[in-house]
C-alpha cells in the first residue's frame, strides 16, 4: 500500500456534481508491506 505524507491538496471542479473533487498530491510516499501471522 502506498502511503503519502506532506504535499498539497487540490480542489478540482467536478462536472458530475457541479461541485469540486479534492485530490491530495503527497510530497513523499512510503510503501507499506504486509506480513501475516
ModelCIF file with pLDDT and N, C-alpha, C, O atoms, coordinates in Angstrom:
data_MODEL
#
_entry.id   MODEL 
#
_entity.id                         1 
_entity.type                       polymer 
_entity.pdbx_number_of_molecules   1 
#
_entity_poly.entity_id                      1 
_entity_poly.type                           'polypeptide(L)' 
_entity_poly.nstd_linkage                   no 
_entity_poly.nstd_monomer                   no 
_entity_poly.pdbx_seq_one_letter_code       
;(UNK)(UNK)(UNK)(UNK)(UNK)(UNK)(UNK)(UNK)(UNK)(UNK)(UNK)(UNK)(UNK)(UNK)(UNK)(UNK)
(UNK)(UNK)(UNK)(UNK)(UNK)(UNK)(UNK)(UNK)(UNK)(UNK)(UNK)(UNK)(UNK)(UNK)(UNK)(UNK)
(UNK)(UNK)(UNK)(UNK)(UNK)
;
_entity_poly.pdbx_seq_one_letter_code_can   XXXXXXXXXXXXXXXXXXXXXXXXXXXXXXXXXXXXX 
_entity_poly.pdbx_strand_id                 A 
#
loop_
_entity_poly_seq.entity_id 
_entity_poly_seq.num 
_entity_poly_seq.mon_id 
_entity_poly_seq.hetero 
1 1  UNK n 
1 2  UNK n 
1 3  UNK n 
1 4  UNK n 
1 5  UNK n 
1 6  UNK n 
1 7  UNK n 
1 8  UNK n 
1 9  UNK n 
1 10 UNK n 
1 11 UNK n 
1 12 UNK n 
1 13 UNK n 
1 14 UNK n 
1 15 UNK n 
1 16 UNK n 
1 17 UNK n 
1 18 UNK n 
1 19 UNK n 
1 20 UNK n 
1 21 UNK n 
1 22 UNK n 
1 23 UNK n 
1 24 UNK n 
1 25 UNK n 
1 26 UNK n 
1 27 UNK n 
1 28 UNK n 
1 29 UNK n 
1 30 UNK n 
1 31 UNK n 
1 32 UNK n 
1 33 UNK n 
1 34 UNK n 
1 35 UNK n 
1 36 UNK n 
1 37 UNK n 
#
_struct_asym.id          A 
_struct_asym.entity_id   1 
#
loop_
_ma_qa_metric.id 
_ma_qa_metric.mode 
_ma_qa_metric.name 
_ma_qa_metric.software_group_id 
_ma_qa_metric.type 
1 global pLDDT . pLDDT 
2 local  pLDDT . pLDDT 
#
_ma_qa_metric_global.metric_id      1 
_ma_qa_metric_global.metric_value   91.81 
_ma_qa_metric_global.model_id       1 
_ma_qa_metric_global.ordinal_id     1 
#
loop_
_ma_qa_metric_local.label_asym_id 
_ma_qa_metric_local.label_comp_id 
_ma_qa_metric_local.label_seq_id 
_ma_qa_metric_local.metric_id 
_ma_qa_metric_local.metric_value 
_ma_qa_metric_local.model_id 
_ma_qa_metric_local.ordinal_id 
A UNK 1  2 97.00 1 1  
A UNK 2  2 96.00 1 2  
A UNK 3  2 97.00 1 3  
A UNK 4  2 96.00 1 4  
A UNK 5  2 96.00 1 5  
A UNK 6  2 96.00 1 6  
A UNK 7  2 96.00 1 7  
A UNK 8  2 95.00 1 8  
A UNK 9  2 94.00 1 9  
A UNK 10 2 93.00 1 10 
A UNK 11 2 91.00 1 11 
A UNK 12 2 91.00 1 12 
A UNK 13 2 89.00 1 13 
A UNK 14 2 83.00 1 14 
A UNK 15 2 79.00 1 15 
A UNK 16 2 77.00 1 16 
A UNK 17 2 76.00 1 17 
A UNK 18 2 78.00 1 18 
A UNK 19 2 82.00 1 19 
A UNK 20 2 85.00 1 20 
A UNK 21 2 88.00 1 21 
A UNK 22 2 91.00 1 22 
A UNK 23 2 92.00 1 23 
A UNK 24 2 95.00 1 24 
A UNK 25 2 96.00 1 25 
A UNK 26 2 95.00 1 26 
A UNK 27 2 93.00 1 27 
A UNK 28 2 91.00 1 28 
A UNK 29 2 93.00 1 29 
A UNK 30 2 95.00 1 30 
A UNK 31 2 96.00 1 31 
A UNK 32 2 97.00 1 32 
A UNK 33 2 97.00 1 33 
A UNK 34 2 98.00 1 34 
A UNK 35 2 98.00 1 35 
A UNK 36 2 98.00 1 36 
A UNK 37 2 97.00 1 37 
#
loop_
_atom_site.group_PDB 
_atom_site.id 
_atom_site.type_symbol 
_atom_site.label_atom_id 
_atom_site.label_alt_id 
_atom_site.label_comp_id 
_atom_site.label_asym_id 
_atom_site.label_entity_id 
_atom_site.label_seq_id 
_atom_site.pdbx_PDB_ins_code 
_atom_site.Cartn_x 
_atom_site.Cartn_y 
_atom_site.Cartn_z 
_atom_site.occupancy 
_atom_site.B_iso_or_equiv 
_atom_site.pdbx_formal_charge 
_atom_site.auth_seq_id 
_atom_site.auth_comp_id 
_atom_site.auth_asym_id 
_atom_site.auth_atom_id 
_atom_site.pdbx_PDB_model_num 
ATOM 1   N N  . UNK A 1 1  ? 0.852   -1.194  0.000   1.00 97.00 ? 1  UNK A N  1 
ATOM 2   C CA . UNK A 1 1  ? 0.000   0.000   0.000   1.00 97.00 ? 1  UNK A CA 1 
ATOM 3   C C  . UNK A 1 1  ? 0.887   1.244   0.000   1.00 97.00 ? 1  UNK A C  1 
ATOM 4   O O  . UNK A 1 1  ? 1.771   1.355   0.849   1.00 97.00 ? 1  UNK A O  1 
ATOM 5   N N  . UNK A 1 2  ? 0.677   2.187   -0.932  1.00 96.00 ? 2  UNK A N  1 
ATOM 6   C CA . UNK A 1 2  ? 1.419   3.455   -0.887  1.00 96.00 ? 2  UNK A CA 1 
ATOM 7   C C  . UNK A 1 2  ? 0.789   4.401   0.129   1.00 96.00 ? 2  UNK A C  1 
ATOM 8   O O  . UNK A 1 2  ? -0.432  4.542   0.179   1.00 96.00 ? 2  UNK A O  1 
ATOM 9   N N  . UNK A 1 3  ? 1.616   5.039   0.929   1.00 97.00 ? 3  UNK A N  1 
ATOM 10  C CA . UNK A 1 3  ? 1.148   5.976   1.960   1.00 97.00 ? 3  UNK A CA 1 
ATOM 11  C C  . UNK A 1 3  ? 1.832   7.315   1.740   1.00 97.00 ? 3  UNK A C  1 
ATOM 12  O O  . UNK A 1 3  ? 3.059   7.388   1.665   1.00 97.00 ? 3  UNK A O  1 
ATOM 13  N N  . UNK A 1 4  ? 1.037   8.378   1.635   1.00 96.00 ? 4  UNK A N  1 
ATOM 14  C CA . UNK A 1 4  ? 1.588   9.698   1.355   1.00 96.00 ? 4  UNK A CA 1 
ATOM 15  C C  . UNK A 1 4  ? 1.788   10.542  2.600   1.00 96.00 ? 4  UNK A C  1 
ATOM 16  O O  . UNK A 1 4  ? 1.123   10.358  3.619   1.00 96.00 ? 4  UNK A O  1 
ATOM 17  N N  . UNK A 1 5  ? 2.736   11.484  2.484   1.00 96.00 ? 5  UNK A N  1 
ATOM 18  C CA . UNK A 1 5  ? 2.979   12.481  3.533   1.00 96.00 ? 5  UNK A CA 1 
ATOM 19  C C  . UNK A 1 5  ? 3.256   13.825  2.868   1.00 96.00 ? 5  UNK A C  1 
ATOM 20  O O  . UNK A 1 5  ? 3.887   13.897  1.813   1.00 96.00 ? 5  UNK A O  1 
ATOM 21  N N  . UNK A 1 6  ? 2.765   14.900  3.515   1.00 96.00 ? 6  UNK A N  1 
ATOM 22  C CA . UNK A 1 6  ? 3.061   16.244  3.041   1.00 96.00 ? 6  UNK A CA 1 
ATOM 23  C C  . UNK A 1 6  ? 2.402   16.566  1.713   1.00 96.00 ? 6  UNK A C  1 
ATOM 24  O O  . UNK A 1 6  ? 1.403   15.956  1.329   1.00 96.00 ? 6  UNK A O  1 
ATOM 25  N N  . UNK A 1 7  ? 2.982   17.536  1.018   1.00 96.00 ? 7  UNK A N  1 
ATOM 26  C CA . UNK A 1 7  ? 2.466   17.923  -0.294  1.00 96.00 ? 7  UNK A CA 1 
ATOM 27  C C  . UNK A 1 7  ? 1.348   18.936  -0.216  1.00 96.00 ? 7  UNK A C  1 
ATOM 28  O O  . UNK A 1 7  ? 1.304   19.760  0.698   1.00 96.00 ? 7  UNK A O  1 
ATOM 29  N N  . UNK A 1 8  ? 0.439   18.869  -1.185  1.00 95.00 ? 8  UNK A N  1 
ATOM 30  C CA . UNK A 1 8  ? -0.636  19.850  -1.261  1.00 95.00 ? 8  UNK A CA 1 
ATOM 31  C C  . UNK A 1 8  ? -1.955  19.178  -1.632  1.00 95.00 ? 8  UNK A C  1 
ATOM 32  O O  . UNK A 1 8  ? -1.986  18.058  -2.141  1.00 95.00 ? 8  UNK A O  1 
ATOM 33  N N  . UNK A 1 9  ? -3.046  19.905  -1.359  1.00 94.00 ? 9  UNK A N  1 
ATOM 34  C CA . UNK A 1 9  ? -4.390  19.422  -1.664  1.00 94.00 ? 9  UNK A CA 1 
ATOM 35  C C  . UNK A 1 9  ? -4.982  20.320  -2.748  1.00 94.00 ? 9  UNK A C  1 
ATOM 36  O O  . UNK A 1 9  ? -5.026  21.542  -2.609  1.00 94.00 ? 9  UNK A O  1 
ATOM 37  N N  . UNK A 1 10 ? -5.437  19.687  -3.829  1.00 93.00 ? 10 UNK A N  1 
ATOM 38  C CA . UNK A 1 10 ? -6.014  20.427  -4.948  1.00 93.00 ? 10 UNK A CA 1 
ATOM 39  C C  . UNK A 1 10 ? -7.529  20.280  -4.940  1.00 93.00 ? 10 UNK A C  1 
ATOM 40  O O  . UNK A 1 10 ? -8.058  19.217  -4.615  1.00 93.00 ? 10 UNK A O  1 
ATOM 41  N N  . UNK A 1 11 ? -8.220  21.353  -5.300  1.00 91.00 ? 11 UNK A N  1 
ATOM 42  C CA . UNK A 1 11 ? -9.681  21.326  -5.439  1.00 91.00 ? 11 UNK A CA 1 
ATOM 43  C C  . UNK A 1 11 ? -10.008 21.435  -6.927  1.00 91.00 ? 11 UNK A C  1 
ATOM 44  O O  . UNK A 1 11 ? -9.872  22.502  -7.526  1.00 91.00 ? 11 UNK A O  1 
ATOM 45  N N  . UNK A 1 12 ? -10.435 20.330  -7.508  1.00 91.00 ? 12 UNK A N  1 
ATOM 46  C CA . UNK A 1 12 ? -10.670 20.244  -8.949  1.00 91.00 ? 12 UNK A CA 1 
ATOM 47  C C  . UNK A 1 12 ? -12.171 20.270  -9.213  1.00 91.00 ? 12 UNK A C  1 
ATOM 48  O O  . UNK A 1 12 ? -12.914 19.519  -8.580  1.00 91.00 ? 12 UNK A O  1 
ATOM 49  N N  . UNK A 1 13 ? -12.639 21.122  -10.138 1.00 89.00 ? 13 UNK A N  1 
ATOM 50  C CA . UNK A 1 13 ? -14.081 21.159  -10.463 1.00 89.00 ? 13 UNK A CA 1 
ATOM 51  C C  . UNK A 1 13 ? -14.593 19.780  -10.880 1.00 89.00 ? 13 UNK A C  1 
ATOM 52  O O  . UNK A 1 13 ? -13.931 19.048  -11.616 1.00 89.00 ? 13 UNK A O  1 
ATOM 53  N N  . UNK A 1 14 ? -15.784 19.448  -10.392 1.00 83.00 ? 14 UNK A N  1 
ATOM 54  C CA . UNK A 1 14 ? -16.400 18.160  -10.685 1.00 83.00 ? 14 UNK A CA 1 
ATOM 55  C C  . UNK A 1 14 ? -17.656 18.405  -11.517 1.00 83.00 ? 14 UNK A C  1 
ATOM 56  O O  . UNK A 1 14 ? -18.668 18.877  -10.999 1.00 83.00 ? 14 UNK A O  1 
ATOM 57  N N  . UNK A 1 15 ? -17.586 18.079  -12.813 1.00 79.00 ? 15 UNK A N  1 
ATOM 58  C CA . UNK A 1 15 ? -18.722 18.324  -13.706 1.00 79.00 ? 15 UNK A CA 1 
ATOM 59  C C  . UNK A 1 15 ? -19.923 17.465  -13.349 1.00 79.00 ? 15 UNK A C  1 
ATOM 60  O O  . UNK A 1 15 ? -21.066 17.851  -13.595 1.00 79.00 ? 15 UNK A O  1 
ATOM 61  N N  . UNK A 1 16 ? -19.661 16.288  -12.764 1.00 77.00 ? 16 UNK A N  1 
ATOM 62  C CA . UNK A 1 16 ? -20.757 15.368  -12.456 1.00 77.00 ? 16 UNK A CA 1 
ATOM 63  C C  . UNK A 1 16 ? -21.674 15.925  -11.379 1.00 77.00 ? 16 UNK A C  1 
ATOM 64  O O  . UNK A 1 16 ? -22.894 15.783  -11.469 1.00 77.00 ? 16 UNK A O  1 
ATOM 65  N N  . UNK A 1 17 ? -21.099 16.561  -10.358 1.00 76.00 ? 17 UNK A N  1 
ATOM 66  C CA . UNK A 1 17 ? -21.890 17.062  -9.224  1.00 76.00 ? 17 UNK A CA 1 
ATOM 67  C C  . UNK A 1 17 ? -22.051 18.571  -9.240  1.00 76.00 ? 17 UNK A C  1 
ATOM 68  O O  . UNK A 1 17 ? -22.889 19.115  -8.521  1.00 76.00 ? 17 UNK A O  1 
ATOM 69  N N  . UNK A 1 18 ? -21.255 19.250  -10.053 1.00 78.00 ? 18 UNK A N  1 
ATOM 70  C CA . UNK A 1 18 ? -21.287 20.706  -10.037 1.00 78.00 ? 18 UNK A CA 1 
ATOM 71  C C  . UNK A 1 18 ? -20.466 21.298  -8.906  1.00 78.00 ? 18 UNK A C  1 
ATOM 72  O O  . UNK A 1 18 ? -20.389 22.519  -8.769  1.00 78.00 ? 18 UNK A O  1 
ATOM 73  N N  . UNK A 1 19 ? -19.865 20.467  -8.110  1.00 82.00 ? 19 UNK A N  1 
ATOM 74  C CA . UNK A 1 19 ? -19.024 20.931  -7.004  1.00 82.00 ? 19 UNK A CA 1 
ATOM 75  C C  . UNK A 1 19 ? -17.558 20.771  -7.349  1.00 82.00 ? 19 UNK A C  1 
ATOM 76  O O  . UNK A 1 19 ? -17.126 21.140  -8.441  1.00 82.00 ? 19 UNK A O  1 
ATOM 77  N N  . UNK A 1 20 ? -16.801 20.228  -6.428  1.00 85.00 ? 20 UNK A N  1 
ATOM 78  C CA . UNK A 1 20 ? -15.384 20.025  -6.689  1.00 85.00 ? 20 UNK A CA 1 
ATOM 79  C C  . UNK A 1 20 ? -14.930 18.703  -6.074  1.00 85.00 ? 20 UNK A C  1 
ATOM 80  O O  . UNK A 1 20 ? -15.572 18.160  -5.174  1.00 85.00 ? 20 UNK A O  1 
ATOM 81  N N  . UNK A 1 21 ? -13.830 18.212  -6.573  1.00 88.00 ? 21 UNK A N  1 
ATOM 82  C CA . UNK A 1 21 ? -13.220 16.997  -6.048  1.00 88.00 ? 21 UNK A CA 1 
ATOM 83  C C  . UNK A 1 21 ? -11.888 17.355  -5.412  1.00 88.00 ? 21 UNK A C  1 
ATOM 84  O O  . UNK A 1 21 ? -11.122 18.151  -5.955  1.00 88.00 ? 21 UNK A O  1 
ATOM 85  N N  . UNK A 1 22 ? -11.621 16.766  -4.262  1.00 91.00 ? 22 UNK A N  1 
ATOM 86  C CA . UNK A 1 22 ? -10.366 17.014  -3.556  1.00 91.00 ? 22 UNK A CA 1 
ATOM 87  C C  . UNK A 1 22 ? -9.349  15.949  -3.940  1.00 91.00 ? 22 UNK A C  1 
ATOM 88  O O  . UNK A 1 22 ? -9.614  14.751  -3.839  1.00 91.00 ? 22 UNK A O  1 
ATOM 89  N N  . UNK A 1 23 ? -8.180  16.406  -4.382  1.00 92.00 ? 23 UNK A N  1 
ATOM 90  C CA . UNK A 1 23 ? -7.113  15.486  -4.767  1.00 92.00 ? 23 UNK A CA 1 
ATOM 91  C C  . UNK A 1 23 ? -5.859  15.828  -3.976  1.00 92.00 ? 23 UNK A C  1 
ATOM 92  O O  . UNK A 1 23 ? -5.389  16.965  -3.994  1.00 92.00 ? 23 UNK A O  1 
ATOM 93  N N  . UNK A 1 24 ? -5.323  14.828  -3.281  1.00 95.00 ? 24 UNK A N  1 
ATOM 94  C CA . UNK A 1 24 ? -4.103  15.018  -2.482  1.00 95.00 ? 24 UNK A CA 1 
ATOM 95  C C  . UNK A 1 24 ? -2.893  14.633  -3.319  1.00 95.00 ? 24 UNK A C  1 
ATOM 96  O O  . UNK A 1 24 ? -2.829  13.531  -3.863  1.00 95.00 ? 24 UNK A O  1 
ATOM 97  N N  . UNK A 1 25 ? -1.942  15.542  -3.417  1.00 96.00 ? 25 UNK A N  1 
ATOM 98  C CA . UNK A 1 25 ? -0.675  15.292  -4.110  1.00 96.00 ? 25 UNK A CA 1 
ATOM 99  C C  . UNK A 1 25 ? 0.443   15.257  -3.065  1.00 96.00 ? 25 UNK A C  1 
ATOM 100 O O  . UNK A 1 25 ? 1.014   16.300  -2.746  1.00 96.00 ? 25 UNK A O  1 
ATOM 101 N N  . UNK A 1 26 ? 0.765   14.080  -2.528  1.00 95.00 ? 26 UNK A N  1 
ATOM 102 C CA . UNK A 1 26 ? 1.780   13.998  -1.464  1.00 95.00 ? 26 UNK A CA 1 
ATOM 103 C C  . UNK A 1 26 ? 3.166   14.410  -1.964  1.00 95.00 ? 26 UNK A C  1 
ATOM 104 O O  . UNK A 1 26 ? 3.496   14.244  -3.139  1.00 95.00 ? 26 UNK A O  1 
ATOM 105 N N  . UNK A 1 27 ? 3.957   14.943  -1.056  1.00 93.00 ? 27 UNK A N  1 
ATOM 106 C CA . UNK A 1 27 ? 5.337   15.298  -1.382  1.00 93.00 ? 27 UNK A CA 1 
ATOM 107 C C  . UNK A 1 27 ? 6.239   14.067  -1.359  1.00 93.00 ? 27 UNK A C  1 
ATOM 108 O O  . UNK A 1 27 ? 7.242   14.013  -2.070  1.00 93.00 ? 27 UNK A O  1 
ATOM 109 N N  . UNK A 1 28 ? 5.882   13.089  -0.549  1.00 91.00 ? 28 UNK A N  1 
ATOM 110 C CA . UNK A 1 28 ? 6.683   11.867  -0.466  1.00 91.00 ? 28 UNK A CA 1 
ATOM 111 C C  . UNK A 1 28 ? 5.758   10.687  -0.200  1.00 91.00 ? 28 UNK A C  1 
ATOM 112 O O  . UNK A 1 28 ? 4.644   10.850  0.297   1.00 91.00 ? 28 UNK A O  1 
ATOM 113 N N  . UNK A 1 29 ? 6.244   9.494   -0.542  1.00 93.00 ? 29 UNK A N  1 
ATOM 114 C CA . UNK A 1 29 ? 5.466   8.277   -0.323  1.00 93.00 ? 29 UNK A CA 1 
ATOM 115 C C  . UNK A 1 29 ? 6.318   7.206   0.342   1.00 93.00 ? 29 UNK A C  1 
ATOM 116 O O  . UNK A 1 29 ? 7.527   7.112   0.132   1.00 93.00 ? 29 UNK A O  1 
ATOM 117 N N  . UNK A 1 30 ? 5.643   6.409   1.147   1.00 95.00 ? 30 UNK A N  1 
ATOM 118 C CA . UNK A 1 30 ? 6.241   5.236   1.775   1.00 95.00 ? 30 UNK A CA 1 
ATOM 119 C C  . UNK A 1 30 ? 5.389   4.035   1.375   1.00 95.00 ? 30 UNK A C  1 
ATOM 120 O O  . UNK A 1 30 ? 4.170   4.151   1.245   1.00 95.00 ? 30 UNK A O  1 
ATOM 121 N N  . UNK A 1 31 ? 6.018   2.902   1.184   1.00 96.00 ? 31 UNK A N  1 
ATOM 122 C CA . UNK A 1 31 ? 5.294   1.692   0.810   1.00 96.00 ? 31 UNK A CA 1 
ATOM 123 C C  . UNK A 1 31 ? 5.104   0.819   2.049   1.00 96.00 ? 31 UNK A C  1 
ATOM 124 O O  . UNK A 1 31 ? 6.065   0.501   2.750   1.00 96.00 ? 31 UNK A O  1 
ATOM 125 N N  . UNK A 1 32 ? 3.863   0.438   2.307   1.00 97.00 ? 32 UNK A N  1 
ATOM 126 C CA . UNK A 1 32 ? 3.564   -0.480  3.402   1.00 97.00 ? 32 UNK A CA 1 
ATOM 127 C C  . UNK A 1 32 ? 3.532   -1.911  2.894   1.00 97.00 ? 32 UNK A C  1 
ATOM 128 O O  . UNK A 1 32 ? 2.748   -2.237  2.004   1.00 97.00 ? 32 UNK A O  1 
ATOM 129 N N  . UNK A 1 33 ? 4.381   -2.769  3.454   1.00 97.00 ? 33 UNK A N  1 
ATOM 130 C CA . UNK A 1 33 ? 4.445   -4.180  3.057   1.00 97.00 ? 33 UNK A CA 1 
ATOM 131 C C  . UNK A 1 33 ? 3.834   -5.019  4.174   1.00 97.00 ? 33 UNK A C  1 
ATOM 132 O O  . UNK A 1 33 ? 4.317   -4.974  5.306   1.00 97.00 ? 33 UNK A O  1 
ATOM 133 N N  . UNK A 1 34 ? 2.778   -5.786  3.882   1.00 98.00 ? 34 UNK A N  1 
ATOM 134 C CA . UNK A 1 34 ? 2.129   -6.569  4.940   1.00 98.00 ? 34 UNK A CA 1 
ATOM 135 C C  . UNK A 1 34 ? 2.821   -7.905  5.191   1.00 98.00 ? 34 UNK A C  1 
ATOM 136 O O  . UNK A 1 34 ? 3.287   -8.575  4.269   1.00 98.00 ? 34 UNK A O  1 
ATOM 137 N N  . UNK A 1 35 ? 2.870   -8.266  6.476   1.00 98.00 ? 35 UNK A N  1 
ATOM 138 C CA . UNK A 1 35 ? 3.355   -9.574  6.909   1.00 98.00 ? 35 UNK A CA 1 
ATOM 139 C C  . UNK A 1 35 ? 2.254   -10.209 7.750   1.00 98.00 ? 35 UNK A C  1 
ATOM 140 O O  . UNK A 1 35 ? 1.825   -9.638  8.752   1.00 98.00 ? 35 UNK A O  1 
ATOM 141 N N  . UNK A 1 36 ? 1.797   -11.390 7.342   1.00 98.00 ? 36 UNK A N  1 
ATOM 142 C CA . UNK A 1 36 ? 0.670   -12.051 8.007   1.00 98.00 ? 36 UNK A CA 1 
ATOM 143 C C  . UNK A 1 36 ? 1.146   -13.148 8.952   1.00 98.00 ? 36 UNK A C  1 
ATOM 144 O O  . UNK A 1 36 ? 2.016   -13.949 8.611   1.00 98.00 ? 36 UNK A O  1 
ATOM 145 N N  . UNK A 1 37 ? 0.560   -13.166 10.142  1.00 97.00 ? 37 UNK A N  1 
ATOM 146 C CA . UNK A 1 37 ? 0.848   -14.185 11.146  1.00 97.00 ? 37 UNK A CA 1 
ATOM 147 C C  . UNK A 1 37 ? -0.460  -14.884 11.515  1.00 97.00 ? 37 UNK A C  1 
ATOM 148 O O  . UNK A 1 37 ? -0.463  -15.788 12.351  1.00 97.00 ? 37 UNK A O  1 
#
